[in-house]
Every structure is written in C-alpha cells, then in structure tokens.
Amino acid sequence: MRMKSPIALPTSTVSRNALVAVAIVAVGAAVYWLSDILTPLAMAIFLLIMIDGVKRFIEDRTPIPDRFAGAAALIFIVLLFFASIAIIVNGAAGFFTDASGVWSRIGPRLDRILIDASDMVGVDTAPTAAELMGQLDLNSYIASTANQARGTLTGAFFVMVYLAFLLASQAGFKRKIIGMFPDRTARNEAVEVFQRVRGGVEGYIWVQAVTGAMICVFAWILMRAVGLQNAEFWTFVIFVVGFIPVLGGAVAGLVPPLFALVQFETYWQATVLLIGLQAILFISGNFIQPRMQGDNQNIDPVVVLLALAFWGKIWGVVGMFLSTPLAVMAMAILAEFRGSRWMAILLSGDGEPYAEAEAPNEKAKRDRVNSPRPEDD
C-alpha cells in the first residue's frame, strides 16, 4: 500500500506563523518579568485614553472653551482616580471596623447558618464557625491584604508619574508619526489604526460605565430597601468590579447576599438581594449591553475568558481590569497586517474583526493589501 505524501505547506507561511508564535511567547515572558514597571504604565495609558475621550466630549458638547478642555478633562480624571482609591480604602476600613465591632453577634449567626445548612443536606453534626476559622491562617490573609493596600497606594503614585510624562510627550507625538511614516498614505493608515484602537477602548469604557451606573442605581435601591449595612460601599464595589468580565458579575450578584446572611436574623433579605441582583445583572448582560456594544466589542467570549485568566495571572487585579481593552487593542492591531490577520479573525466574535459599517473605499483598500501576492507563495 502506497503511503500518501504529506501535504506541503508554503514555507513562507509556516516561517511567518512560527515567527509570530515565538514573538508572542517572548512578549508574554517580557510583560510578566517587567510587570512592576509595565502595570502602572498600562494604567497610565488607560487613563490617558480616558482623558482624551473626556476632552473631546467637553469640546463637542459643553460650552467650555476648547483651550481649557484638556485641563478640565485632566482634572476630572485625576480627581476621579484618587476619589475611587479613597472610597475603596475608607470604605474597606469602615467595613472592617464595623465587622470587628459586631463580631460577637456574627459568630453565633454563622453557627446558626451552618446548622441550618447542615439540616438541609442531612448532616447530623455541623461544624462551628470557630472551627472553620481555626483552619484558616487569618494572620497571613491580613498581612496579604495590608501589602496589597500598600501596593495600591504605591502603584497609584507611579501611575500619576507615568501619566505626567505621557502628557508631556504628547506634544511631539505628531512629529514622531511624520518621522516614522514619511509617506502620507502610510501615515494616514497608521492614524486610522490608532483611531480604531482608541475607539474600541473608549467604546468599552463607555458601555461598562453606563451599564455599571444603571446596575448600581437599582442595586443601591434594593440594598437600602432591605436595610443592608454599608450599601454605598457595596454599590461602589459593584461599579468597579463591573469592569472585570465574568468575575465582576459574580462578585456583584453574590457578595451582598452573603453579607446579608450574616447581618440579618432571617433569610428573606438575602433571598431578595440574590434574586434581585441576579435579575438586574441578567437584564443588563443580555438586553442592554449587547445593544450598546455594537461592533466595539466584537470579541469571542472564550477570548474574553482567556484574556482575563492570562492578564490576571501576569498583572493581577490590574490585569483583570485591563484584560478586555487589551484584547480589543490586540484584535485591532493584528487585523491591520496580512500575516497576523488570521489571529484577529480568531479573536473576533463573528469572524470579521472590522466593523460592518466600514467605509467601502477603506474595505476595498484593505482587501487589496490583504490579498495574497505571487511573491508570498
């Protein structure tokens, strides 16, 4: 029996794809080992994009003179950044202070919950809260939390330093673009790529901010209605974690009901919070967000999950926040080059990494660029 000869693949294609794969691995290793440097830089770039978007919003839709729009946007974003950190730190401090003050009541309440849960599953002897807490190394958790809080404050300082230098370097950005792309056509294409990346990130921020605000309004009303303590703190936590895909919804929908179990003697408050928050998240995630996203987040859900795991492993919590914007940026950049466009197609949700409303002349131009040429085979 004659063996069929193996299918011959174009050498240039194999070499190009292998080179891309090696480059991806090398970049991943670099961003991991340089995480202490790159994490505040990435956050500063994220804030810079937000400042630019707010600046253009002020110029187009407010009576503020254009010459003051940049300063107003900078002040707004910086104050919002530090206000967020202050709310988290103060809210967490107040929460743990209240928890320590009522620990004498929380312990018996946890015992009651464990007994009721054991009865539901048919366990004769239920463990006590003291026994479960004794199995945990609370000192290590407290030390880890303190180190993370200290790291957050230190990271915020470096983010502001990077942001200041990025703002200072904006003046020479246009000259750099001209120097890098002397040809006007190539320069226009590079500017289009930058605008597409910026538009995708801004669209993601806008959608998450608006839908997060909607969720927070209804969640705050619900938590105040049942009398949950620290409702304002939990509302802010829900808004912040909303920028983390997958995990954000889990935290927003489960954490307040869990604390309601401890706070109240009855279970109906936690049940109302659980059902109400899940209903709010379901409506937002399945009806509101898809209509607002449009083509801004044409990312495959599996890619979103993998990006969350990858950037969370490399950059921690900051990587989780930036995972989706980084995936949007990667898809927009990879789609511009014929050798890497196949990766952009894999990252996209519908196999088309470009917006459907793209101008016909741009699509025709890109088809000419992406079409195979004889010398590439």
Protein backbone atom coordinates (compact mmCIF):
# COMPACT_ATOMS: atom_id res chain seq x y z
CA MET A 1 0.00 0.00 0.00
CA ARG A 2 1.48 3.29 -1.07
CA MET A 3 1.72 5.98 1.55
CA LYS A 4 0.36 9.36 0.58
CA SER A 5 2.89 12.12 0.60
CA PRO A 6 2.32 14.75 3.27
CA ILE A 7 0.65 17.95 2.26
CA ALA A 8 3.25 20.56 1.51
CA LEU A 9 2.73 23.89 3.21
CA PRO A 10 4.15 27.13 1.88
CA THR A 11 7.48 27.68 3.56
CA SER A 12 6.97 31.43 3.85
CA THR A 13 3.62 30.99 5.63
CA VAL A 14 5.00 28.41 8.09
CA SER A 15 8.02 30.55 8.85
CA ARG A 16 5.92 33.66 9.31
CA ASN A 17 3.45 31.94 11.64
CA ALA A 18 6.27 30.34 13.63
CA LEU A 19 7.96 33.72 13.98
CA VAL A 20 4.69 35.25 15.20
CA ALA A 21 4.23 32.46 17.76
CA VAL A 22 7.78 32.90 19.06
CA ALA A 23 7.26 36.66 19.26
CA ILE A 24 4.05 36.17 21.26
CA VAL A 25 5.81 33.90 23.75
CA ALA A 26 8.71 36.34 24.07
CA VAL A 27 6.36 39.30 24.63
CA GLY A 28 4.39 37.32 27.22
CA ALA A 29 7.57 36.50 29.14
CA ALA A 30 8.68 40.13 28.96
CA VAL A 31 5.43 41.57 30.28
CA TYR A 32 5.47 39.00 33.10
CA TRP A 33 9.00 39.76 34.28
CA LEU A 34 8.52 43.51 33.84
CA SER A 35 5.08 43.61 35.45
CA ASP A 36 6.18 46.02 38.19
CA ILE A 37 7.15 48.55 35.52
CA LEU A 38 4.52 47.87 32.89
CA THR A 39 1.47 47.67 35.17
CA PRO A 40 1.44 51.36 36.20
CA LEU A 41 2.41 52.31 32.63
CA ALA A 42 -0.57 50.39 31.20
CA MET A 43 -2.88 52.00 33.75
CA ALA A 44 -1.48 55.43 32.85
CA ILE A 45 -2.12 54.80 29.14
CA PHE A 46 -5.65 53.70 30.05
CA LEU A 47 -6.18 56.96 31.93
CA LEU A 48 -4.65 58.92 29.03
CA ILE A 49 -7.22 57.42 26.66
CA MET A 50 -9.97 58.36 29.11
CA ILE A 51 -8.64 61.92 29.35
CA ASP A 52 -8.59 62.24 25.58
CA GLY A 53 -12.16 60.97 25.32
CA VAL A 54 -13.40 63.33 28.03
CA LYS A 55 -11.54 66.19 26.35
CA ARG A 56 -13.29 65.60 23.03
CA PHE A 57 -16.62 65.27 24.83
CA ILE A 58 -16.06 68.65 26.52
CA GLU A 59 -15.09 70.26 23.21
CA ASP A 60 -18.12 68.91 21.36
CA ARG A 61 -20.91 69.03 23.94
CA THR A 62 -20.10 71.63 26.59
CA PRO A 63 -19.76 75.44 26.50
CA ILE A 64 -16.24 75.24 27.97
CA PRO A 65 -13.70 76.85 25.59
CA ASP A 66 -11.57 74.36 23.67
CA ARG A 67 -8.33 75.73 25.13
CA PHE A 68 -9.49 74.72 28.61
CA ALA A 69 -10.91 71.32 27.60
CA GLY A 70 -7.64 69.43 28.11
CA ALA A 71 -7.05 70.86 31.59
CA ALA A 72 -10.67 70.22 32.60
CA ALA A 73 -10.50 66.61 31.38
CA LEU A 74 -7.20 66.03 33.19
CA ILE A 75 -8.51 67.44 36.48
CA PHE A 76 -11.72 65.41 36.19
CA ILE A 77 -9.99 62.07 35.52
CA VAL A 78 -7.27 62.57 38.16
CA LEU A 79 -9.83 63.55 40.80
CA LEU A 80 -11.98 60.58 39.81
CA PHE A 81 -8.97 58.25 40.06
CA PHE A 82 -7.97 59.41 43.55
CA ALA A 83 -11.59 59.56 44.69
CA SER A 84 -12.02 55.92 43.68
CA ILE A 85 -8.94 54.90 45.68
CA ALA A 86 -10.12 56.95 48.69
CA ILE A 87 -13.59 55.41 48.59
CA ILE A 88 -12.16 51.91 48.42
CA VAL A 89 -9.65 52.47 51.25
CA ASN A 90 -12.04 54.36 53.54
CA GLY A 91 -14.96 52.09 52.76
CA ALA A 92 -12.92 48.97 53.42
CA ALA A 93 -11.58 50.45 56.68
CA GLY A 94 -15.08 51.34 57.83
CA PHE A 95 -16.39 47.95 56.83
CA PHE A 96 -13.77 46.03 58.81
CA THR A 97 -14.25 48.38 61.77
CA ASP A 98 -17.98 47.67 61.82
CA ALA A 99 -17.34 43.96 61.38
CA SER A 100 -14.97 43.84 64.33
CA GLY A 101 -17.46 45.72 66.48
CA VAL A 102 -20.25 43.22 65.84
CA TRP A 103 -18.14 40.06 65.78
CA SER A 104 -19.78 38.85 68.99
CA ARG A 105 -23.06 38.73 67.03
CA ILE A 106 -21.57 37.45 63.77
CA GLY A 107 -20.10 34.32 65.36
CA PRO A 108 -23.40 32.91 66.66
CA ARG A 109 -25.10 33.91 63.42
CA LEU A 110 -22.60 31.92 61.39
CA ASP A 111 -23.15 28.94 63.68
CA ARG A 112 -26.90 29.19 63.06
CA ILE A 113 -26.38 29.33 59.29
CA LEU A 114 -24.10 26.30 59.39
CA ILE A 115 -26.64 24.34 61.44
CA ASP A 116 -29.48 25.22 59.06
CA ALA A 117 -27.36 24.34 56.03
CA SER A 118 -26.37 21.02 57.61
CA ASP A 119 -30.01 20.20 58.28
CA MET A 120 -30.87 20.89 54.65
CA VAL A 121 -28.23 18.46 53.34
CA GLY A 122 -28.81 15.86 56.04
CA VAL A 123 -25.59 16.27 58.06
CA ASP A 124 -26.02 15.35 61.72
CA THR A 125 -23.16 17.35 63.26
CA ALA A 126 -22.50 20.79 61.84
CA PRO A 127 -19.09 22.45 62.19
CA THR A 128 -18.92 25.66 64.17
CA ALA A 129 -17.68 28.98 62.86
CA ALA A 130 -14.78 28.89 65.34
CA GLU A 131 -13.67 25.50 64.00
CA LEU A 132 -13.75 26.71 60.41
CA MET A 133 -11.93 29.94 61.26
CA GLY A 134 -9.32 27.95 63.16
CA GLN A 135 -8.42 26.15 59.94
CA LEU A 136 -7.67 29.47 58.23
CA ASP A 137 -4.44 31.37 58.63
CA LEU A 138 -6.01 34.76 59.32
CA ASN A 139 -2.68 36.44 60.03
CA SER A 140 -1.41 35.65 56.55
CA TYR A 141 -4.62 36.94 54.99
CA ILE A 142 -4.43 40.16 56.99
CA ALA A 143 -0.77 40.64 56.08
CA SER A 144 -1.54 39.97 52.41
CA THR A 145 -4.39 42.48 52.47
CA ALA A 146 -2.17 45.10 54.08
CA ASN A 147 0.55 44.52 51.46
CA GLN A 148 -1.99 44.83 48.66
CA ALA A 149 -3.34 48.08 50.12
CA ARG A 150 0.20 49.45 50.39
CA GLY A 151 0.93 48.30 46.86
CA THR A 152 -2.22 50.03 45.61
CA LEU A 153 -1.13 53.37 47.07
CA THR A 154 2.41 52.96 45.72
CA GLY A 155 1.09 51.94 42.32
CA ALA A 156 -1.22 54.97 42.24
CA PHE A 157 1.79 57.24 42.74
CA PHE A 158 3.71 55.67 39.85
CA VAL A 159 0.60 55.77 37.66
CA MET A 160 0.45 59.53 38.17
CA VAL A 161 4.18 59.84 37.39
CA TYR A 162 3.80 57.90 34.16
CA LEU A 163 0.68 59.88 33.26
CA ALA A 164 2.53 63.17 33.72
CA PHE A 165 5.32 62.09 31.37
CA LEU A 166 2.83 60.72 28.83
CA LEU A 167 1.00 64.04 28.81
CA ALA A 168 4.29 65.88 28.38
CA SER A 169 5.27 63.66 25.44
CA GLN A 170 2.00 64.26 23.59
CA ALA A 171 3.36 67.50 22.12
CA GLY A 172 5.86 65.59 19.95
CA PHE A 173 3.53 62.75 19.00
CA LYS A 174 2.57 64.21 15.62
CA ARG A 175 6.20 64.87 14.70
CA LYS A 176 7.07 61.27 15.63
CA ILE A 177 4.28 59.96 13.40
CA ILE A 178 5.56 62.06 10.50
CA GLY A 179 9.11 60.82 11.08
CA MET A 180 8.02 57.18 11.30
CA PHE A 181 5.75 57.37 8.23
CA PRO A 182 7.09 59.92 5.74
CA ASP A 183 4.64 58.71 3.10
CA ARG A 184 1.25 60.38 3.56
CA THR A 185 -0.74 57.27 2.65
CA ALA A 186 1.12 55.08 5.14
CA ARG A 187 0.79 57.80 7.76
CA ASN A 188 -2.96 58.05 7.24
CA GLU A 189 -3.30 54.28 7.58
CA ALA A 190 -1.29 54.35 10.84
CA VAL A 191 -3.52 57.12 12.19
CA GLU A 192 -6.60 55.07 11.23
CA VAL A 193 -5.24 52.09 13.18
CA PHE A 194 -4.63 54.28 16.21
CA GLN A 195 -8.11 55.77 16.00
CA ARG A 196 -9.66 52.32 15.64
CA VAL A 197 -7.81 51.09 18.73
CA ARG A 198 -8.77 54.21 20.66
CA GLY A 199 -12.38 53.93 19.55
CA GLY A 200 -12.59 50.31 20.68
CA VAL A 201 -11.17 51.10 24.13
CA GLU A 202 -13.35 54.19 24.55
CA GLY A 203 -16.41 52.23 23.47
CA TYR A 204 -15.66 49.57 26.05
CA ILE A 205 -15.20 52.17 28.81
CA TRP A 206 -18.42 53.96 27.82
CA VAL A 207 -20.53 50.79 27.73
CA GLN A 208 -19.19 49.48 31.03
CA ALA A 209 -19.56 52.86 32.76
CA VAL A 210 -23.15 53.44 31.61
CA THR A 211 -24.37 49.91 32.27
CA GLY A 212 -22.47 49.85 35.57
CA ALA A 213 -24.17 53.07 36.66
CA MET A 214 -27.59 51.60 35.76
CA ILE A 215 -26.87 48.45 37.73
CA CYS A 216 -25.61 50.45 40.71
CA VAL A 217 -28.74 52.61 40.89
CA PHE A 218 -31.07 49.62 41.10
CA ALA A 219 -28.68 47.66 43.32
CA TRP A 220 -28.42 50.59 45.78
CA ILE A 221 -32.21 50.93 45.93
CA LEU A 222 -32.52 47.20 46.55
CA MET A 223 -29.84 47.12 49.26
CA ARG A 224 -31.31 50.18 51.01
CA ALA A 225 -34.78 48.65 50.83
CA VAL A 226 -33.71 45.54 52.75
CA GLY A 227 -31.53 47.59 55.13
CA LEU A 228 -28.10 46.19 54.23
CA GLN A 229 -25.26 47.94 56.03
CA ASN A 230 -22.61 49.81 54.02
CA ALA A 231 -24.91 49.92 50.98
CA GLU A 232 -22.96 52.83 49.46
CA PHE A 233 -19.66 50.96 49.77
CA TRP A 234 -21.10 47.85 48.15
CA THR A 235 -22.62 49.98 45.38
CA PHE A 236 -19.22 51.39 44.54
CA VAL A 237 -17.65 47.93 44.67
CA ILE A 238 -20.30 46.68 42.22
CA PHE A 239 -19.48 49.55 39.84
CA VAL A 240 -15.71 48.96 39.98
CA VAL A 241 -15.80 45.18 39.61
CA GLY A 242 -18.18 45.61 36.67
CA PHE A 243 -15.10 46.36 34.57
CA ILE A 244 -13.81 42.82 35.27
CA PRO A 245 -15.51 40.37 32.90
CA VAL A 246 -17.10 37.24 34.38
CA LEU A 247 -15.77 37.76 37.92
CA GLY A 248 -17.36 41.20 38.20
CA GLY A 249 -20.87 39.81 37.78
CA ALA A 250 -20.18 37.02 40.28
CA VAL A 251 -18.97 39.48 42.94
CA ALA A 252 -21.83 41.91 42.30
CA GLY A 253 -24.51 39.23 42.45
CA LEU A 254 -23.26 37.07 45.34
CA VAL A 255 -21.25 39.13 47.83
CA PRO A 256 -24.06 41.45 49.12
CA PRO A 257 -26.44 38.48 49.71
CA LEU A 258 -23.69 36.64 51.60
CA PHE A 259 -23.19 39.58 53.95
CA ALA A 260 -26.95 39.91 54.31
CA LEU A 261 -26.97 36.34 55.64
CA VAL A 262 -24.63 37.42 58.43
CA GLN A 263 -26.29 40.74 59.19
CA PHE A 264 -29.93 39.66 59.44
CA GLU A 265 -31.54 37.03 61.67
CA THR A 266 -33.87 35.90 58.88
CA TYR A 267 -33.10 34.72 55.38
CA TRP A 268 -35.59 36.66 53.28
CA GLN A 269 -33.33 39.73 52.97
CA ALA A 270 -30.52 37.66 51.45
CA THR A 271 -33.01 35.89 49.19
CA VAL A 272 -34.42 39.19 47.93
CA LEU A 273 -30.92 40.54 47.28
CA LEU A 274 -29.85 37.37 45.48
CA ILE A 275 -32.89 37.23 43.21
CA GLY A 276 -33.00 40.98 42.63
CA LEU A 277 -29.29 41.38 41.83
CA GLN A 278 -29.27 38.35 39.56
CA ALA A 279 -32.30 39.72 37.70
CA ILE A 280 -30.61 43.11 37.28
CA LEU A 281 -27.39 41.52 36.02
CA PHE A 282 -29.31 39.22 33.67
CA ILE A 283 -31.27 42.07 32.09
CA SER A 284 -28.16 44.22 31.75
CA GLY A 285 -25.95 41.46 30.34
CA ASN A 286 -28.47 40.03 27.88
CA PHE A 287 -30.50 43.01 26.71
CA ILE A 288 -28.82 46.36 27.49
CA GLN A 289 -25.11 45.68 26.99
CA PRO A 290 -25.42 43.84 23.64
CA ARG A 291 -27.40 46.74 22.16
CA MET A 292 -24.87 49.30 23.39
CA GLN A 293 -21.77 47.36 22.45
CA GLY A 294 -22.46 47.08 18.73
CA ASP A 295 -19.15 46.45 16.99
CA ASN A 296 -17.00 47.97 19.73
CA GLN A 297 -16.53 44.65 21.50
CA ASN A 298 -16.67 42.11 18.71
CA ILE A 299 -14.64 39.72 20.86
CA ASP A 300 -15.24 36.00 21.20
CA PRO A 301 -16.46 35.13 24.74
CA VAL A 302 -13.79 32.42 25.03
CA VAL A 303 -11.15 35.03 24.21
CA VAL A 304 -12.56 37.31 26.92
CA LEU A 305 -12.25 34.48 29.44
CA LEU A 306 -8.73 33.56 28.32
CA ALA A 307 -7.65 37.20 28.36
CA LEU A 308 -8.99 37.54 31.90
CA ALA A 309 -7.03 34.47 33.03
CA PHE A 310 -3.86 35.45 31.15
CA TRP A 311 -3.64 39.10 32.22
CA GLY A 312 -4.86 38.28 35.72
CA LYS A 313 -2.01 35.78 36.06
CA ILE A 314 0.57 38.26 34.75
CA TRP A 315 -0.59 41.57 36.21
CA GLY A 316 -3.01 40.59 38.98
CA VAL A 317 -6.08 42.74 39.61
CA VAL A 318 -4.89 45.49 37.25
CA GLY A 319 -4.56 42.91 34.50
CA MET A 320 -8.13 41.76 35.13
CA PHE A 321 -9.39 45.32 34.71
CA LEU A 322 -7.41 45.82 31.51
CA SER A 323 -7.92 42.35 30.02
CA THR A 324 -10.80 43.24 27.69
CA PRO A 325 -9.35 46.60 26.50
CA LEU A 326 -6.06 44.85 25.78
CA ALA A 327 -7.89 42.15 23.81
CA VAL A 328 -9.71 44.85 21.81
CA MET A 329 -6.41 46.61 21.10
CA ALA A 330 -4.73 43.35 20.08
CA MET A 331 -7.53 42.46 17.66
CA ALA A 332 -7.49 45.92 16.06
CA ILE A 333 -3.70 45.88 15.59
CA LEU A 334 -3.44 42.28 14.37
CA ALA A 335 -6.21 42.87 11.82
CA GLU A 336 -4.14 45.50 10.04
CA PHE A 337 -1.39 43.10 8.86
CA ARG A 338 -1.91 40.30 6.39
CA GLY A 339 0.42 37.96 8.24
CA SER A 340 -1.44 38.29 11.55
CA ARG A 341 -4.99 38.88 10.36
CA TRP A 342 -5.87 35.22 10.95
CA MET A 343 -5.28 35.79 14.68
CA ALA A 344 -7.59 38.81 14.63
CA ILE A 345 -10.26 36.63 12.99
CA LEU A 346 -9.87 34.07 15.77
CA LEU A 347 -10.17 36.80 18.40
CA SER A 348 -13.31 38.30 16.83
CA GLY A 349 -16.79 37.17 17.73
CA ASP A 350 -18.20 36.81 14.20
CA GLY A 351 -15.06 36.21 12.16
CA GLU A 352 -14.91 39.80 10.95
CA PRO A 353 -12.60 41.94 13.09
CA TYR A 354 -13.65 45.13 11.29
CA ALA A 355 -16.88 46.99 11.88
CA GLU A 356 -19.68 46.23 9.43
CA ALA A 357 -20.28 49.92 8.85
CA GLU A 358 -16.76 50.41 7.47
CA ALA A 359 -16.50 52.71 4.50
CA PRO A 360 -16.43 50.85 1.15
CA ASN A 361 -13.24 52.56 -0.03
CA GLU A 362 -11.41 51.57 3.16
CA LYS A 363 -12.58 47.98 2.84
CA ALA A 364 -11.51 47.81 -0.80
CA LYS A 365 -8.12 49.27 0.10
CA ARG A 366 -7.67 46.74 2.91
CA ASP A 367 -8.74 43.88 0.65
CA ARG A 368 -6.00 44.89 -1.80
CA VAL A 369 -3.46 44.98 1.00
CA ASN A 370 -4.57 41.64 2.49
CA SER A 371 -4.90 39.82 -0.83
CA PRO A 372 -2.10 37.30 -1.44
CA ARG A 373 0.63 38.31 -3.83
CA PRO A 374 2.59 35.90 -6.09
CA GLU A 375 5.89 36.56 -4.33
CA ASP A 376 4.38 35.47 -0.98
CA ASP A 377 3.58 31.94 -2.14
